[in-house]
Amino acid sequence: MALAMLGIPRRYSHFVFGALQAGLTCLIAAGIASLPVTAAGPFLRHWAAAWLISWAAMLPVVLLAAPAIRALSVALTRDEPRVRSKP
């Protein structure tokens, strides 16, 4: 597989998964947060509303994207040869 040429050992796939998941999450959340604010209100009220909307939007994305991101993180990593210890 062409993506596996990065050569990241498979034992680090959870870090690759986390980086991909964080990137996707931040991309969508930043888009939602960047929408023009139509009604200026107190900061905490605006922040809480933006967080709730972002979370509601991200939950199905995370649940649906996680299998694809997991597969991509496996494609970006490689199995390491097993090291046998002498008895």
C-alpha atoms as a PDB file:
ATOM      1  CA  MET A   1       0.000   0.000   0.000  1.00  0.00           C
ATOM      2  CA  ALA A   2       1.450   3.372  -1.020  1.00  0.00           C
ATOM      3  CA  LEU A   3       0.517   5.168   2.206  1.00  0.00           C
ATOM      4  CA  ALA A   4       2.470   2.694   4.301  1.00  0.00           C
ATOM      5  CA  MET A   5       5.700   4.055   2.866  1.00  0.00           C
ATOM      6  CA  LEU A   6       5.828   6.585   5.687  1.00  0.00           C
ATOM      7  CA  GLY A   7       7.179   3.683   7.671  1.00  0.00           C
ATOM      8  CA  ILE A   8       5.678   4.601  11.022  1.00  0.00           C
ATOM      9  CA  PRO A   9       5.698   1.508  13.220  1.00  0.00           C
ATOM     10  CA  ARG A  10       2.202   0.109  13.815  1.00  0.00           C
ATOM     11  CA  ARG A  11       2.626   0.413  17.581  1.00  0.00           C
ATOM     12  CA  TYR A  12       2.280   4.195  17.082  1.00  0.00           C
ATOM     13  CA  SER A  13      -0.975   3.934  15.117  1.00  0.00           C
ATOM     14  CA  HIS A  14      -2.944   5.285  18.096  1.00  0.00           C
ATOM     15  CA  PHE A  15      -0.936   8.523  17.810  1.00  0.00           C
ATOM     16  CA  VAL A  16      -1.589   8.668  14.062  1.00  0.00           C
ATOM     17  CA  PHE A  17      -5.283   8.002  14.728  1.00  0.00           C
ATOM     18  CA  GLY A  18      -5.361  10.783  17.321  1.00  0.00           C
ATOM     19  CA  ALA A  19      -3.663  13.264  14.995  1.00  0.00           C
ATOM     20  CA  LEU A  20      -6.080  12.472  12.154  1.00  0.00           C
ATOM     21  CA  GLN A  21      -9.123  12.584  14.457  1.00  0.00           C
ATOM     22  CA  ALA A  22      -8.020  15.875  16.029  1.00  0.00           C
ATOM     23  CA  GLY A  23      -7.437  17.374  12.596  1.00  0.00           C
ATOM     24  CA  LEU A  24     -10.894  16.421  11.370  1.00  0.00           C
ATOM     25  CA  THR A  25     -12.548  17.557  14.584  1.00  0.00           C
ATOM     26  CA  CYS A  26     -10.776  20.910  14.606  1.00  0.00           C
ATOM     27  CA  LEU A  27     -11.489  21.466  10.908  1.00  0.00           C
ATOM     28  CA  ILE A  28     -15.226  21.095  11.390  1.00  0.00           C
ATOM     29  CA  ALA A  29     -15.384  22.861  14.763  1.00  0.00           C
ATOM     30  CA  ALA A  30     -13.361  25.819  13.476  1.00  0.00           C
ATOM     31  CA  GLY A  31     -15.721  26.119  10.521  1.00  0.00           C
ATOM     32  CA  ILE A  32     -18.721  26.229  12.821  1.00  0.00           C
ATOM     33  CA  ALA A  33     -17.027  28.681  15.185  1.00  0.00           C
ATOM     34  CA  SER A  34     -16.049  30.924  12.280  1.00  0.00           C
ATOM     35  CA  LEU A  35     -19.601  31.482  11.141  1.00  0.00           C
ATOM     36  CA  PRO A  36     -20.546  35.142  11.446  1.00  0.00           C
ATOM     37  CA  VAL A  37     -21.998  35.967  14.822  1.00  0.00           C
ATOM     38  CA  THR A  38     -25.393  37.519  14.192  1.00  0.00           C
ATOM     39  CA  ALA A  39     -26.289  38.430  17.736  1.00  0.00           C
ATOM     40  CA  ALA A  40     -23.575  39.653  20.087  1.00  0.00           C
ATOM     41  CA  GLY A  41     -24.248  38.474  23.629  1.00  0.00           C
ATOM     42  CA  PRO A  42     -22.220  37.733  26.704  1.00  0.00           C
ATOM     43  CA  PHE A  43     -19.073  35.705  25.988  1.00  0.00           C
ATOM     44  CA  LEU A  44     -19.946  32.656  28.095  1.00  0.00           C
ATOM     45  CA  ARG A  45     -23.403  32.393  26.559  1.00  0.00           C
ATOM     46  CA  HIS A  46     -21.985  32.631  23.020  1.00  0.00           C
ATOM     47  CA  TRP A  47     -19.166  30.179  23.797  1.00  0.00           C
ATOM     48  CA  ALA A  48     -21.552  27.662  25.387  1.00  0.00           C
ATOM     49  CA  ALA A  49     -23.897  27.835  22.414  1.00  0.00           C
ATOM     50  CA  ALA A  50     -20.997  27.456  19.936  1.00  0.00           C
ATOM     51  CA  TRP A  51     -19.626  24.484  21.903  1.00  0.00           C
ATOM     52  CA  LEU A  52     -23.013  22.775  22.048  1.00  0.00           C
ATOM     53  CA  ILE A  53     -23.579  23.225  18.310  1.00  0.00           C
ATOM     54  CA  SER A  54     -20.036  22.041  17.519  1.00  0.00           C
ATOM     55  CA  TRP A  55     -20.376  19.007  19.782  1.00  0.00           C
ATOM     56  CA  ALA A  56     -23.751  18.087  18.286  1.00  0.00           C
ATOM     57  CA  ALA A  57     -22.260  18.367  14.792  1.00  0.00           C
ATOM     58  CA  MET A  58     -19.076  16.449  15.666  1.00  0.00           C
ATOM     59  CA  LEU A  59     -20.618  13.503  17.492  1.00  0.00           C
ATOM     60  CA  PRO A  60     -22.052  11.833  14.371  1.00  0.00           C
ATOM     61  CA  VAL A  61     -18.946  12.785  12.368  1.00  0.00           C
ATOM     62  CA  VAL A  62     -16.672  11.144  14.936  1.00  0.00           C
ATOM     63  CA  LEU A  63     -18.864   8.054  15.189  1.00  0.00           C
ATOM     64  CA  LEU A  64     -19.075   7.676  11.413  1.00  0.00           C
ATOM     65  CA  ALA A  65     -15.509   8.730  10.557  1.00  0.00           C
ATOM     66  CA  ALA A  66     -13.694   6.719  13.233  1.00  0.00           C
ATOM     67  CA  PRO A  67     -13.611   3.450  11.224  1.00  0.00           C
ATOM     68  CA  ALA A  68     -12.218   5.257   8.156  1.00  0.00           C
ATOM     69  CA  ILE A  69      -9.677   7.122  10.273  1.00  0.00           C
ATOM     70  CA  ARG A  70      -8.660   3.864  11.969  1.00  0.00           C
ATOM     71  CA  ALA A  71      -8.159   2.243   8.539  1.00  0.00           C
ATOM     72  CA  LEU A  72      -6.132   5.264   7.364  1.00  0.00           C
ATOM     73  CA  SER A  73      -3.947   5.180  10.467  1.00  0.00           C
ATOM     74  CA  VAL A  74      -3.254   1.483   9.838  1.00  0.00           C
ATOM     75  CA  ALA A  75      -2.448   2.288   6.185  1.00  0.00           C
ATOM     76  CA  LEU A  76      -0.003   4.994   7.292  1.00  0.00           C
ATOM     77  CA  THR A  77       1.866   2.615   9.600  1.00  0.00           C
ATOM     78  CA  ARG A  78       3.665  -0.677   9.109  1.00  0.00           C
ATOM     79  CA  ASP A  79       4.075  -3.875  11.074  1.00  0.00           C
ATOM     80  CA  GLU A  80       7.404  -4.222  12.826  1.00  0.00           C
ATOM     81  CA  PRO A  81       9.401  -7.427  12.662  1.00  0.00           C
ATOM     82  CA  ARG A  82       9.128  -9.451  15.816  1.00  0.00           C
ATOM     83  CA  VAL A  83      12.243  -9.682  17.900  1.00  0.00           C
ATOM     84  CA  ARG A  84      12.771 -13.099  19.397  1.00  0.00           C
ATOM     85  CA  SER A  85      14.496 -13.284  22.721  1.00  0.00           C
ATOM     86  CA  LYS A  86      16.872 -16.121  23.438  1.00  0.00           C
ATOM     87  CA  PRO A  87      15.707 -18.601  26.105  1.00  0.00           C
END
